[in-house]
């Protein structure tokens, strides 16, 4: 397909390695108090910028919780909310199983728009993380995809030219942002298509 020399494979986390479903959280909130899940969803959507600020690290965990929990009227404590908000993930095991094989030949980097609560309560202990040489997390580097700054953080770590990086993300806009910076990019749709794309590039 091309004559690139790849040395770095950069994976997104959410929906690529760990699918998530906020309905799981909403159902748990509904069981605590009818209407609570719907109220939280509406609040979340109408205050999405709060979520984005938290992912970027522009507001801290305490401030996010203060804003998020205004809809609960004291019926949910912080620890309960953090658990419910984070127990939404599962693992794409077939994608995770590619990592030890890829690790033999490539530097692996995780690049994720995420936050401190999801990290601590949701995915911190997943075993596949050990295959990554570096985790670049939005809330820790004060930048989110598709901002150029977050891709620059990867390049600073790897020390390799843009052309040696390939980025796998379920969001087309984020994969295209990487391509604009000279990386290769693949939009993740499913495991089978990812394998096809990696084989095309002779990575697998």
N, C-alpha and C. Protein backbone atom coordinates (compact mmCIF):
# COMPACT_ATOMS: atom_id res chain seq x y z
N UNK A 1 0.83 -1.21 0.00
CA UNK A 1 0.00 0.00 0.00
C UNK A 1 0.86 1.26 0.00
N UNK A 2 1.91 1.26 0.80
CA UNK A 2 2.82 2.40 0.79
C UNK A 2 4.20 1.90 1.20
N UNK A 3 5.14 2.80 1.13
CA UNK A 3 6.53 2.42 1.43
C UNK A 3 6.99 2.96 2.77
N UNK A 4 6.05 3.25 3.64
CA UNK A 4 6.40 3.79 4.94
C UNK A 4 7.17 2.76 5.77
N UNK A 5 8.03 3.30 6.61
CA UNK A 5 8.70 2.48 7.61
C UNK A 5 8.04 2.82 8.94
N UNK A 6 7.26 1.89 9.46
CA UNK A 6 6.58 2.14 10.72
C UNK A 6 7.43 1.68 11.90
N UNK A 7 7.46 2.50 12.93
CA UNK A 7 8.13 2.06 14.15
C UNK A 7 7.24 2.25 15.38
N UNK A 8 6.18 3.08 15.24
CA UNK A 8 5.32 3.41 16.37
C UNK A 8 3.86 3.11 16.00
N UNK A 9 3.18 2.34 16.84
CA UNK A 9 1.75 2.14 16.67
C UNK A 9 1.05 2.78 17.87
N UNK A 10 0.17 3.71 17.56
CA UNK A 10 -0.53 4.48 18.60
C UNK A 10 -2.00 4.06 18.61
N UNK A 11 -2.46 3.59 19.75
CA UNK A 11 -3.84 3.14 19.90
C UNK A 11 -4.65 4.13 20.72
N UNK A 12 -5.86 4.38 20.25
CA UNK A 12 -6.87 4.99 21.10
C UNK A 12 -7.30 3.93 22.11
N UNK A 13 -7.96 4.38 23.19
CA UNK A 13 -8.41 3.45 24.23
C UNK A 13 -9.91 3.15 24.10
N UNK A 14 -10.73 4.17 24.31
CA UNK A 14 -12.17 3.96 24.32
C UNK A 14 -12.73 3.55 22.97
N UNK A 15 -13.52 2.50 22.95
CA UNK A 15 -14.19 1.91 21.79
C UNK A 15 -13.23 1.11 20.89
N UNK A 16 -11.93 1.27 21.06
CA UNK A 16 -10.97 0.46 20.31
C UNK A 16 -10.54 -0.73 21.17
N UNK A 17 -9.96 -0.43 22.32
CA UNK A 17 -9.56 -1.49 23.26
C UNK A 17 -10.63 -1.73 24.32
N UNK A 18 -11.29 -0.67 24.73
CA UNK A 18 -12.35 -0.83 25.74
C UNK A 18 -13.64 -0.14 25.30
N UNK A 19 -14.56 -0.89 24.74
CA UNK A 19 -15.88 -0.33 24.45
C UNK A 19 -16.51 0.16 25.74
N UNK A 20 -17.33 1.20 25.63
CA UNK A 20 -18.04 1.67 26.83
C UNK A 20 -19.49 1.96 26.48
N UNK A 21 -20.32 1.90 27.49
CA UNK A 21 -21.76 2.09 27.30
C UNK A 21 -22.30 2.84 28.51
N UNK A 22 -22.62 4.12 28.31
CA UNK A 22 -23.13 4.93 29.41
C UNK A 22 -24.51 4.48 29.89
N UNK A 23 -25.20 3.70 29.05
CA UNK A 23 -26.51 3.19 29.48
C UNK A 23 -26.40 2.32 30.73
N UNK A 24 -25.25 1.68 30.90
CA UNK A 24 -25.03 0.86 32.11
C UNK A 24 -25.11 1.75 33.35
N UNK A 25 -24.46 2.90 33.26
CA UNK A 25 -24.49 3.85 34.38
C UNK A 25 -25.89 4.43 34.57
N UNK A 26 -26.54 4.75 33.48
CA UNK A 26 -27.88 5.36 33.58
C UNK A 26 -28.87 4.40 34.22
N UNK A 27 -28.77 3.12 33.87
CA UNK A 27 -29.68 2.13 34.45
C UNK A 27 -29.46 1.99 35.96
N UNK A 28 -28.20 2.06 36.39
CA UNK A 28 -27.90 1.97 37.82
C UNK A 28 -28.46 3.18 38.56
N UNK A 29 -28.35 4.35 37.94
CA UNK A 29 -28.88 5.56 38.57
C UNK A 29 -30.41 5.51 38.64
N UNK A 30 -31.02 4.95 37.60
CA UNK A 30 -32.49 4.83 37.59
C UNK A 30 -32.97 3.93 38.72
N UNK A 31 -32.17 2.90 39.04
CA UNK A 31 -32.55 1.98 40.12
C UNK A 31 -32.48 2.67 41.48
N UNK A 32 -31.57 3.62 41.62
CA UNK A 32 -31.46 4.36 42.88
C UNK A 32 -32.67 5.27 43.06
N UNK A 33 -33.03 5.96 41.97
CA UNK A 33 -34.17 6.88 42.04
C UNK A 33 -34.69 7.10 40.63
N UNK A 34 -35.92 6.77 40.39
CA UNK A 34 -36.49 6.87 39.05
C UNK A 34 -36.37 8.30 38.52
N UNK A 35 -35.85 8.40 37.31
CA UNK A 35 -35.63 9.70 36.68
C UNK A 35 -34.23 10.23 36.86
N UNK A 36 -33.47 9.64 37.80
CA UNK A 36 -32.13 10.15 38.08
C UNK A 36 -31.19 9.95 36.89
N UNK A 37 -31.29 8.79 36.25
CA UNK A 37 -30.44 8.51 35.09
C UNK A 37 -30.72 9.47 33.94
N UNK A 38 -31.99 9.69 33.67
CA UNK A 38 -32.39 10.60 32.60
C UNK A 38 -31.95 12.02 32.92
N UNK A 39 -32.12 12.42 34.17
CA UNK A 39 -31.71 13.77 34.57
C UNK A 39 -30.20 13.96 34.42
N UNK A 40 -29.44 12.91 34.80
CA UNK A 40 -27.99 13.01 34.67
C UNK A 40 -27.60 13.10 33.20
N UNK A 41 -28.22 12.28 32.35
CA UNK A 41 -27.90 12.30 30.92
C UNK A 41 -28.18 13.68 30.32
N UNK A 42 -29.31 14.25 30.66
CA UNK A 42 -29.65 15.58 30.14
C UNK A 42 -28.67 16.64 30.62
N UNK A 43 -28.29 16.52 31.90
CA UNK A 43 -27.32 17.46 32.47
C UNK A 43 -25.96 17.30 31.79
N UNK A 44 -25.57 16.06 31.56
CA UNK A 44 -24.29 15.74 30.93
C UNK A 44 -24.23 16.33 29.52
N UNK A 45 -25.31 16.13 28.76
CA UNK A 45 -25.34 16.62 27.38
C UNK A 45 -25.34 18.14 27.32
N UNK A 46 -26.12 18.77 28.20
CA UNK A 46 -26.22 20.23 28.15
C UNK A 46 -25.00 20.92 28.77
N UNK A 47 -24.20 20.15 29.48
CA UNK A 47 -22.96 20.69 30.07
C UNK A 47 -21.74 19.91 29.59
N UNK A 48 -21.76 19.54 28.30
CA UNK A 48 -20.67 18.71 27.76
C UNK A 48 -19.31 19.39 27.90
N UNK A 49 -19.32 20.71 27.87
CA UNK A 49 -18.04 21.43 27.99
C UNK A 49 -17.37 21.12 29.33
N UNK A 50 -18.17 20.84 30.36
CA UNK A 50 -17.59 20.46 31.67
C UNK A 50 -16.81 19.15 31.53
N UNK A 51 -17.40 18.20 30.82
CA UNK A 51 -16.73 16.92 30.57
C UNK A 51 -15.42 17.14 29.82
N UNK A 52 -15.47 18.01 28.81
CA UNK A 52 -14.28 18.28 27.99
C UNK A 52 -13.19 18.97 28.82
N UNK A 53 -13.60 19.91 29.66
CA UNK A 53 -12.64 20.59 30.52
C UNK A 53 -11.96 19.61 31.47
N UNK A 54 -12.73 18.66 31.95
CA UNK A 54 -12.19 17.64 32.87
C UNK A 54 -11.21 16.73 32.12
N UNK A 55 -11.57 16.34 30.90
CA UNK A 55 -10.66 15.52 30.08
C UNK A 55 -9.36 16.25 29.78
N UNK A 56 -9.47 17.56 29.57
CA UNK A 56 -8.27 18.32 29.24
C UNK A 56 -7.46 18.67 30.47
N UNK A 57 -8.02 18.44 31.64
CA UNK A 57 -7.31 18.77 32.86
C UNK A 57 -7.45 20.23 33.24
N UNK A 58 -8.39 20.93 32.61
CA UNK A 58 -8.60 22.35 32.92
C UNK A 58 -9.39 22.55 34.21
N UNK A 59 -10.16 21.54 34.61
CA UNK A 59 -10.77 21.54 35.93
C UNK A 59 -10.38 20.23 36.62
N UNK A 60 -10.27 20.27 37.93
CA UNK A 60 -9.84 19.08 38.65
C UNK A 60 -11.05 18.19 39.00
N UNK A 61 -10.74 17.07 39.60
CA UNK A 61 -11.78 16.08 39.92
C UNK A 61 -12.84 16.64 40.86
N UNK A 62 -12.41 17.38 41.85
CA UNK A 62 -13.37 17.95 42.81
C UNK A 62 -14.36 18.90 42.14
N UNK A 63 -13.85 19.71 41.23
CA UNK A 63 -14.72 20.67 40.53
C UNK A 63 -15.69 19.92 39.61
N UNK A 64 -15.18 18.88 38.91
CA UNK A 64 -16.06 18.09 38.04
C UNK A 64 -17.18 17.44 38.86
N UNK A 65 -16.81 16.85 39.99
CA UNK A 65 -17.81 16.19 40.83
C UNK A 65 -18.84 17.20 41.36
N UNK A 66 -18.35 18.35 41.74
CA UNK A 66 -19.24 19.40 42.26
C UNK A 66 -20.31 19.75 41.21
N UNK A 67 -19.86 19.86 39.96
CA UNK A 67 -20.79 20.21 38.88
C UNK A 67 -21.70 19.03 38.51
N UNK A 68 -21.10 17.83 38.44
CA UNK A 68 -21.85 16.66 37.97
C UNK A 68 -22.93 16.24 38.96
N UNK A 69 -22.66 16.39 40.23
CA UNK A 69 -23.54 15.83 41.25
C UNK A 69 -24.68 16.76 41.66
N UNK A 70 -24.79 17.90 40.99
CA UNK A 70 -25.89 18.80 41.32
C UNK A 70 -27.25 18.18 41.01
N UNK A 71 -27.26 17.17 40.13
CA UNK A 71 -28.56 16.57 39.73
C UNK A 71 -29.05 15.49 40.70
N UNK A 72 -28.23 15.11 41.67
CA UNK A 72 -28.58 13.95 42.51
C UNK A 72 -29.30 14.30 43.81
N UNK A 73 -29.34 15.57 44.13
CA UNK A 73 -30.03 16.01 45.36
C UNK A 73 -29.62 15.24 46.61
N UNK A 74 -28.34 14.94 46.69
CA UNK A 74 -27.82 14.27 47.88
C UNK A 74 -28.14 12.79 47.97
N UNK A 75 -28.74 12.20 46.94
CA UNK A 75 -29.14 10.78 46.99
C UNK A 75 -28.01 9.83 46.58
N UNK A 76 -26.92 10.38 46.07
CA UNK A 76 -25.75 9.57 45.68
C UNK A 76 -24.51 10.26 46.23
N UNK A 77 -23.64 9.51 46.91
CA UNK A 77 -22.40 10.12 47.40
C UNK A 77 -21.32 10.05 46.32
N UNK A 78 -20.22 10.74 46.57
CA UNK A 78 -19.17 10.85 45.55
C UNK A 78 -18.58 9.51 45.16
N UNK A 79 -18.29 8.66 46.14
CA UNK A 79 -17.66 7.37 45.84
C UNK A 79 -18.59 6.50 44.99
N UNK A 80 -19.88 6.51 45.34
CA UNK A 80 -20.85 5.73 44.57
C UNK A 80 -20.92 6.25 43.14
N UNK A 81 -20.99 7.56 43.00
CA UNK A 81 -21.05 8.14 41.66
C UNK A 81 -19.82 7.78 40.85
N UNK A 82 -18.62 7.89 41.44
CA UNK A 82 -17.39 7.60 40.70
C UNK A 82 -17.39 6.16 40.20
N UNK A 83 -17.89 5.24 41.02
CA UNK A 83 -17.96 3.84 40.59
C UNK A 83 -18.96 3.66 39.45
N UNK A 84 -20.16 4.21 39.64
CA UNK A 84 -21.20 4.06 38.62
C UNK A 84 -20.76 4.71 37.30
N UNK A 85 -20.15 5.87 37.40
CA UNK A 85 -19.68 6.63 36.23
C UNK A 85 -18.57 5.88 35.48
N UNK A 86 -17.91 4.98 36.17
CA UNK A 86 -16.73 4.31 35.59
C UNK A 86 -16.95 2.84 35.25
N UNK A 87 -17.99 2.23 35.76
CA UNK A 87 -18.22 0.80 35.49
C UNK A 87 -19.01 0.64 34.20
N UNK A 88 -18.48 1.22 33.15
CA UNK A 88 -19.16 1.24 31.85
C UNK A 88 -18.33 0.56 30.77
N UNK A 89 -17.17 0.05 31.15
CA UNK A 89 -16.21 -0.47 30.17
C UNK A 89 -16.20 -1.99 30.09
N UNK A 90 -15.91 -2.49 28.90
CA UNK A 90 -15.59 -3.90 28.70
C UNK A 90 -14.31 -3.94 27.85
N UNK A 91 -13.82 -5.11 27.52
CA UNK A 91 -12.56 -5.21 26.76
C UNK A 91 -12.80 -5.86 25.40
N UNK A 92 -12.28 -5.23 24.35
CA UNK A 92 -12.23 -5.86 23.02
C UNK A 92 -11.04 -6.83 23.07
N UNK A 93 -11.29 -8.03 23.52
CA UNK A 93 -10.19 -8.96 23.78
C UNK A 93 -9.39 -9.30 22.52
N UNK A 94 -10.09 -9.39 21.39
CA UNK A 94 -9.36 -9.73 20.16
C UNK A 94 -8.38 -8.62 19.77
N UNK A 95 -8.74 -7.36 20.03
CA UNK A 95 -7.81 -6.26 19.76
C UNK A 95 -6.67 -6.28 20.78
N UNK A 96 -7.03 -6.47 22.04
CA UNK A 96 -6.00 -6.54 23.10
C UNK A 96 -5.00 -7.66 22.83
N UNK A 97 -5.48 -8.75 22.24
CA UNK A 97 -4.60 -9.89 21.95
C UNK A 97 -3.59 -9.60 20.85
N UNK A 98 -3.81 -8.54 20.08
CA UNK A 98 -2.82 -8.15 19.06
C UNK A 98 -1.59 -7.50 19.69
N UNK A 99 -1.75 -6.92 20.87
CA UNK A 99 -0.69 -6.10 21.46
C UNK A 99 0.61 -6.84 21.70
N UNK A 100 0.58 -8.04 22.33
CA UNK A 100 1.87 -8.72 22.56
C UNK A 100 2.59 -9.08 21.26
N UNK A 101 1.82 -9.33 20.21
CA UNK A 101 2.44 -9.64 18.92
C UNK A 101 3.06 -8.39 18.31
N UNK A 102 2.34 -7.30 18.34
CA UNK A 102 2.84 -6.03 17.79
C UNK A 102 4.03 -5.51 18.59
N UNK A 103 4.01 -5.76 19.89
CA UNK A 103 5.05 -5.29 20.79
C UNK A 103 6.44 -5.84 20.42
N UNK A 104 6.45 -6.99 19.76
CA UNK A 104 7.73 -7.61 19.38
C UNK A 104 8.53 -6.73 18.41
N UNK A 105 7.82 -5.94 17.61
CA UNK A 105 8.48 -5.17 16.55
C UNK A 105 8.29 -3.65 16.64
N UNK A 106 7.32 -3.24 17.42
CA UNK A 106 6.96 -1.82 17.41
C UNK A 106 6.89 -1.24 18.82
N UNK A 107 7.14 0.07 18.90
CA UNK A 107 6.84 0.80 20.13
C UNK A 107 5.35 1.06 20.16
N UNK A 108 4.70 0.76 21.27
CA UNK A 108 3.27 0.95 21.39
C UNK A 108 2.97 2.10 22.35
N UNK A 109 2.11 3.01 21.90
CA UNK A 109 1.70 4.16 22.70
C UNK A 109 0.18 4.19 22.78
N UNK A 110 -0.33 4.48 23.95
CA UNK A 110 -1.77 4.67 24.14
C UNK A 110 -2.05 6.17 24.17
N UNK A 111 -3.00 6.60 23.37
CA UNK A 111 -3.35 8.02 23.29
C UNK A 111 -4.84 8.16 23.51
N UNK A 112 -5.22 8.73 24.65
CA UNK A 112 -6.64 8.71 25.02
C UNK A 112 -7.13 10.04 25.57
N UNK A 113 -8.33 10.43 25.11
CA UNK A 113 -9.10 11.46 25.80
C UNK A 113 -9.80 10.77 26.96
N UNK A 114 -9.35 11.03 28.16
CA UNK A 114 -9.91 10.34 29.32
C UNK A 114 -9.83 11.27 30.53
N UNK A 115 -10.20 10.76 31.68
CA UNK A 115 -10.16 11.59 32.89
C UNK A 115 -9.71 10.76 34.08
N UNK A 116 -9.41 11.43 35.16
CA UNK A 116 -8.83 10.75 36.33
C UNK A 116 -9.79 9.76 36.97
N UNK A 117 -11.09 10.03 36.93
CA UNK A 117 -12.06 9.10 37.53
C UNK A 117 -12.15 7.82 36.72
N UNK A 118 -12.27 7.97 35.40
CA UNK A 118 -12.34 6.76 34.55
C UNK A 118 -11.06 5.94 34.64
N UNK A 119 -9.94 6.62 34.73
CA UNK A 119 -8.68 5.89 34.87
C UNK A 119 -8.65 5.10 36.17
N UNK A 120 -8.95 5.76 37.26
CA UNK A 120 -8.83 5.14 38.59
C UNK A 120 -9.88 4.07 38.84
N UNK A 121 -11.10 4.33 38.45
CA UNK A 121 -12.20 3.43 38.78
C UNK A 121 -12.62 2.52 37.62
N UNK A 122 -12.17 2.85 36.41
CA UNK A 122 -12.64 2.11 35.25
C UNK A 122 -11.66 1.16 34.61
N UNK A 123 -10.45 1.66 34.28
CA UNK A 123 -9.60 0.82 33.44
C UNK A 123 -8.14 0.70 33.90
N UNK A 124 -7.79 1.28 35.01
CA UNK A 124 -6.39 1.32 35.44
C UNK A 124 -5.74 -0.06 35.56
N UNK A 125 -6.53 -1.05 35.92
CA UNK A 125 -5.96 -2.38 36.20
C UNK A 125 -6.07 -3.37 35.05
N UNK A 126 -6.46 -2.92 33.87
CA UNK A 126 -6.53 -3.85 32.73
C UNK A 126 -5.14 -4.37 32.39
N UNK A 127 -5.04 -5.67 32.23
CA UNK A 127 -3.72 -6.30 32.06
C UNK A 127 -3.04 -5.92 30.75
N UNK A 128 -3.81 -5.60 29.70
CA UNK A 128 -3.18 -5.30 28.41
C UNK A 128 -2.36 -4.01 28.44
N UNK A 129 -2.57 -3.17 29.44
CA UNK A 129 -1.83 -1.91 29.51
C UNK A 129 -0.33 -2.11 29.63
N UNK A 130 0.07 -3.27 30.13
CA UNK A 130 1.51 -3.52 30.33
C UNK A 130 2.28 -3.56 29.01
N UNK A 131 1.57 -3.73 27.90
CA UNK A 131 2.26 -3.80 26.60
C UNK A 131 2.60 -2.42 26.05
N UNK A 132 2.06 -1.38 26.64
CA UNK A 132 2.33 -0.04 26.13
C UNK A 132 3.58 0.55 26.76
N UNK A 133 4.39 1.16 25.89
CA UNK A 133 5.61 1.82 26.35
C UNK A 133 5.29 3.16 27.02
N UNK A 134 4.15 3.73 26.64
CA UNK A 134 3.79 5.04 27.18
C UNK A 134 2.29 5.24 27.09
N UNK A 135 1.70 5.83 28.13
CA UNK A 135 0.31 6.24 28.11
C UNK A 135 0.28 7.77 28.04
N UNK A 136 -0.28 8.30 26.97
CA UNK A 136 -0.46 9.75 26.84
C UNK A 136 -1.95 10.02 27.07
N UNK A 137 -2.26 10.58 28.24
CA UNK A 137 -3.65 10.75 28.65
C UNK A 137 -3.99 12.23 28.69
N UNK A 138 -5.11 12.58 28.09
CA UNK A 138 -5.47 13.99 27.88
C UNK A 138 -5.41 14.81 29.17
N UNK A 139 -5.97 14.26 30.24
CA UNK A 139 -6.05 15.06 31.47
C UNK A 139 -4.69 15.27 32.13
N UNK A 140 -3.71 14.45 31.72
CA UNK A 140 -2.36 14.58 32.28
C UNK A 140 -1.46 15.48 31.45
N UNK A 141 -1.83 15.70 30.18
CA UNK A 141 -0.98 16.52 29.29
C UNK A 141 -1.66 17.83 28.87
N UNK A 142 -2.85 18.08 29.43
CA UNK A 142 -3.58 19.32 29.19
C UNK A 142 -3.86 19.57 27.70
N UNK A 143 -4.27 18.50 27.03
CA UNK A 143 -4.64 18.60 25.61
C UNK A 143 -5.53 17.41 25.26
N UNK A 144 -6.44 17.64 24.32
CA UNK A 144 -7.32 16.56 23.87
C UNK A 144 -7.21 16.39 22.35
N UNK A 145 -7.48 15.17 21.88
CA UNK A 145 -7.63 14.97 20.45
C UNK A 145 -8.85 15.77 20.00
N UNK A 146 -8.82 16.42 18.85
CA UNK A 146 -7.80 16.34 17.79
C UNK A 146 -6.75 17.45 17.84
N UNK A 147 -6.50 18.04 18.99
CA UNK A 147 -5.53 19.14 19.08
C UNK A 147 -4.11 18.67 18.74
N UNK A 148 -3.41 19.49 18.01
CA UNK A 148 -2.05 19.13 17.58
C UNK A 148 -1.14 18.85 18.78
N UNK A 149 -1.35 19.57 19.86
CA UNK A 149 -0.48 19.46 21.03
C UNK A 149 -0.40 18.03 21.55
N UNK A 150 -1.52 17.30 21.52
CA UNK A 150 -1.50 15.95 22.11
C UNK A 150 -0.71 14.98 21.23
N UNK A 151 -0.77 15.19 19.91
CA UNK A 151 0.03 14.36 19.00
C UNK A 151 1.52 14.70 19.15
N UNK A 152 1.80 15.97 19.39
CA UNK A 152 3.19 16.38 19.61
C UNK A 152 3.78 15.72 20.85
N UNK A 153 2.92 15.50 21.86
CA UNK A 153 3.38 14.82 23.08
C UNK A 153 3.86 13.40 22.76
N UNK A 154 3.15 12.75 21.84
CA UNK A 154 3.57 11.40 21.42
C UNK A 154 4.93 11.47 20.74
N UNK A 155 5.07 12.40 19.80
CA UNK A 155 6.32 12.52 19.06
C UNK A 155 7.50 12.88 19.97
N UNK A 156 7.21 13.68 20.97
CA UNK A 156 8.27 14.05 21.92
C UNK A 156 8.76 12.81 22.65
N UNK A 157 7.83 11.93 23.00
CA UNK A 157 8.21 10.69 23.68
C UNK A 157 8.98 9.76 22.76
N UNK A 158 8.48 9.57 21.52
CA UNK A 158 9.09 8.56 20.64
C UNK A 158 10.39 9.05 20.02
N UNK A 159 10.47 10.36 19.75
CA UNK A 159 11.66 10.89 19.09
C UNK A 159 11.76 10.48 17.64
N UNK A 160 10.67 10.00 17.07
CA UNK A 160 10.65 9.53 15.69
C UNK A 160 9.89 10.51 14.79
N UNK A 161 10.20 10.52 13.49
CA UNK A 161 9.48 11.42 12.59
C UNK A 161 8.01 11.04 12.46
N UNK A 162 7.15 11.99 12.12
CA UNK A 162 5.72 11.71 12.01
C UNK A 162 5.40 10.51 11.12
N UNK A 163 6.14 10.35 10.05
CA UNK A 163 5.83 9.30 9.07
C UNK A 163 5.98 7.88 9.63
N UNK A 164 6.66 7.74 10.76
CA UNK A 164 6.84 6.40 11.34
C UNK A 164 5.72 6.03 12.31
N UNK A 165 4.76 6.93 12.49
CA UNK A 165 3.65 6.69 13.42
C UNK A 165 2.39 6.30 12.66
N UNK A 166 1.66 5.35 13.19
CA UNK A 166 0.32 5.04 12.70
C UNK A 166 -0.63 5.09 13.89
N UNK A 167 -1.78 5.72 13.69
CA UNK A 167 -2.73 5.95 14.76
C UNK A 167 -4.04 5.24 14.46
N UNK A 168 -4.56 4.52 15.45
CA UNK A 168 -5.80 3.77 15.31
C UNK A 168 -6.83 4.37 16.28
N UNK A 169 -7.90 4.92 15.74
CA UNK A 169 -8.93 5.57 16.57
C UNK A 169 -10.29 5.33 15.94
N UNK A 170 -11.31 5.15 16.77
CA UNK A 170 -12.66 4.94 16.24
C UNK A 170 -13.26 6.22 15.68
N UNK A 171 -12.76 7.37 16.10
CA UNK A 171 -13.31 8.66 15.64
C UNK A 171 -12.55 9.10 14.38
N UNK A 172 -13.28 9.20 13.28
CA UNK A 172 -12.65 9.54 11.99
C UNK A 172 -11.90 10.86 12.06
N UNK A 173 -12.49 11.84 12.72
CA UNK A 173 -11.88 13.17 12.84
C UNK A 173 -10.50 13.09 13.50
N UNK A 174 -10.35 12.20 14.48
CA UNK A 174 -9.08 12.09 15.20
C UNK A 174 -8.03 11.38 14.34
N UNK A 175 -8.45 10.35 13.62
CA UNK A 175 -7.52 9.67 12.70
C UNK A 175 -7.06 10.63 11.61
N UNK A 176 -7.98 11.44 11.12
CA UNK A 176 -7.64 12.40 10.06
C UNK A 176 -6.73 13.51 10.59
N UNK A 177 -6.90 13.88 11.86
CA UNK A 177 -6.02 14.89 12.45
C UNK A 177 -4.58 14.40 12.47
N UNK A 178 -4.41 13.11 12.76
CA UNK A 178 -3.07 12.52 12.76
C UNK A 178 -2.48 12.52 11.35
N UNK A 179 -3.31 12.20 10.36
CA UNK A 179 -2.85 12.16 8.96
C UNK A 179 -2.36 13.54 8.52
N UNK A 180 -3.09 14.58 8.94
CA UNK A 180 -2.70 15.96 8.59
C UNK A 180 -1.34 16.33 9.14
N UNK A 181 -0.93 15.65 10.21
CA UNK A 181 0.37 15.93 10.82
C UNK A 181 1.48 15.04 10.26
N UNK A 182 1.14 14.23 9.25
CA UNK A 182 2.15 13.40 8.62
C UNK A 182 2.18 11.96 9.11
N UNK A 183 1.30 11.64 10.05
CA UNK A 183 1.17 10.26 10.48
C UNK A 183 0.34 9.48 9.47
N UNK A 184 0.29 8.16 9.64
CA UNK A 184 -0.73 7.36 8.98
C UNK A 184 -1.86 7.22 10.00
N UNK A 185 -3.07 7.02 9.52
CA UNK A 185 -4.20 6.89 10.42
C UNK A 185 -5.21 5.89 9.92
N UNK A 186 -5.81 5.16 10.83
CA UNK A 186 -6.83 4.18 10.51
C UNK A 186 -8.03 4.41 11.42
N UNK A 187 -9.21 4.54 10.83
CA UNK A 187 -10.41 4.61 11.65
C UNK A 187 -10.82 3.19 12.03
N UNK A 188 -10.90 2.95 13.33
CA UNK A 188 -11.29 1.63 13.82
C UNK A 188 -12.80 1.47 13.71
N UNK A 189 -13.22 0.42 13.01
CA UNK A 189 -14.64 0.10 12.92
C UNK A 189 -14.93 -1.25 13.54
N UNK A 190 -13.99 -2.18 13.37
CA UNK A 190 -14.12 -3.51 13.98
C UNK A 190 -12.77 -4.20 13.91
N UNK A 191 -12.64 -5.27 14.66
CA UNK A 191 -11.38 -6.03 14.71
C UNK A 191 -10.97 -6.51 13.32
N UNK A 192 -11.93 -7.08 12.60
CA UNK A 192 -11.62 -7.67 11.30
C UNK A 192 -11.06 -6.63 10.33
N UNK A 193 -11.66 -5.45 10.32
CA UNK A 193 -11.17 -4.40 9.43
C UNK A 193 -9.79 -3.90 9.86
N UNK A 194 -9.57 -3.84 11.18
CA UNK A 194 -8.24 -3.41 11.66
C UNK A 194 -7.17 -4.37 11.18
N UNK A 195 -7.44 -5.66 11.26
CA UNK A 195 -6.47 -6.66 10.80
C UNK A 195 -6.18 -6.46 9.31
N UNK A 196 -7.22 -6.22 8.52
CA UNK A 196 -7.05 -5.97 7.08
C UNK A 196 -6.13 -4.76 6.86
N UNK A 197 -6.40 -3.69 7.57
CA UNK A 197 -5.62 -2.45 7.40
C UNK A 197 -4.15 -2.66 7.82
N UNK A 198 -3.93 -3.41 8.90
CA UNK A 198 -2.56 -3.65 9.36
C UNK A 198 -1.81 -4.57 8.40
N UNK A 199 -2.52 -5.53 7.84
CA UNK A 199 -1.89 -6.45 6.87
C UNK A 199 -1.55 -5.71 5.58
N UNK A 200 -2.41 -4.80 5.17
CA UNK A 200 -2.14 -3.98 3.99
C UNK A 200 -0.80 -3.28 4.12
N UNK A 201 -0.51 -2.87 5.33
CA UNK A 201 0.72 -2.11 5.60
C UNK A 201 1.87 -3.02 6.02
N UNK A 202 1.63 -4.31 5.96
CA UNK A 202 2.64 -5.33 6.34
C UNK A 202 3.09 -5.15 7.79
N UNK A 203 2.17 -4.65 8.62
CA UNK A 203 2.45 -4.54 10.06
C UNK A 203 2.14 -5.87 10.74
N UNK A 204 1.12 -6.53 10.25
CA UNK A 204 0.81 -7.89 10.72
C UNK A 204 1.20 -8.90 9.66
